[in-house]
Structure formats: C-alpha cells, structure tokens
Amino acid sequence: MKTLTADWDGQKVKLTWLPKYQLQNQDIVTSVHAICIQNDKVVLSKITNRGFNYPGGHIEKDESPEEALHREVYEEAYVKGEITYLGVIEVNHKENSLFDIYGKYPIIGYQAFYRMDIKTCDLFLRENEAEARIWVEPSEIPYVIDDHEISSIILEDAISHKKNNIK
C-alpha cells in the first residue's frame, strides 16, 4: 500500500494504491486502466489533450469493469488480450476543499488496474480520442508518462506478476 497527495488541476487529492483490493458492491469504480504487455514492452496511448498513458477510461452504464477495460483498451490502443486484476487506486477527496459534491465523481472512488497480456494487435485507426500508440521499454515509461509515483508502483506490480498469479 502506498499513499500520496496529488495535485489534480489545483485540487489536492489523496491517492492510495491498494494491491489486490477486493472491490465491494458499494465501491464506486470511476475508471479502469491496463498495463498492456507484449514482448516485454508496454503499450501506451496518446489521448487528445492528455498525452501518453496506459489505455483505459470510464465505465459505461450496465458495463462491468472488465467489459469496460476491454472496450477502452481496444478504443485507445487497438489491442486485445487476457487480463489479470492488479488492484485499485483509492481516490479520496475528503480533504479537497474544492471538491464539487454535485459533480460526476464520488468523494471516494476507485480506479481499477489490470495487466493485459496482448494476444491481438490490430491496425491503429486513430478513431475516438486516441492519436498514437507506442511500445515502450518499462524502464523508459517514467520519461514518457508524467504521472505520480503510484503509477510506477503499479507498473512494477504488473511486470512482476505473470498472468494468473493474482486472483
């Protein structure tokens, strides 16, 4: 477990990495993300106005986190594969004085992370909001993604766990 305070557009948000956390029915998953791996390289997607990051996104109505993950990863990186659940980042706004209680996010929400072992890689069509897809050596990711320290911990967890090691 790792906790830090991140600055999201001027808002202080408490982030906690909870590896293997078993989601409960009342837990609100706001997004899903995948560390997609093929030939020991990680796929990153460049999303309009956000730069490069792990593919993922929001869950649509009546979609499970896993269904959303497969859809989002395909929309952003045009890859398919087998997934393994890694854990969640708990996003806690309780100490965020600028938090909008009427906004679209809960005061405590979860971002679910998975490892995807890529089985299929299709032609990159630049549809939706994805502008580019690149394969990166894991050691180079901190130079490509400008993100918080928890991102590196999740990457290490994904790299160190082979498919089906995590239940």
Foldseek 3Di string as FASTA:
>chain_A
DDWDWDQDPNWTKIKDWDWLDDDDPPAAAFKEFEQEDDPQWTKWWQFPPAFTDTFMGGDDPPGDRVRRHQVRCCQGFVWDFDKDWTTWMWIARPVTPPDDCPDPDHNIHIYTYIYGYTDDGDDDDCPDGTDDMDIHNLVCVVVRDVDDPVRNVSSVSNSVDDPPPRD
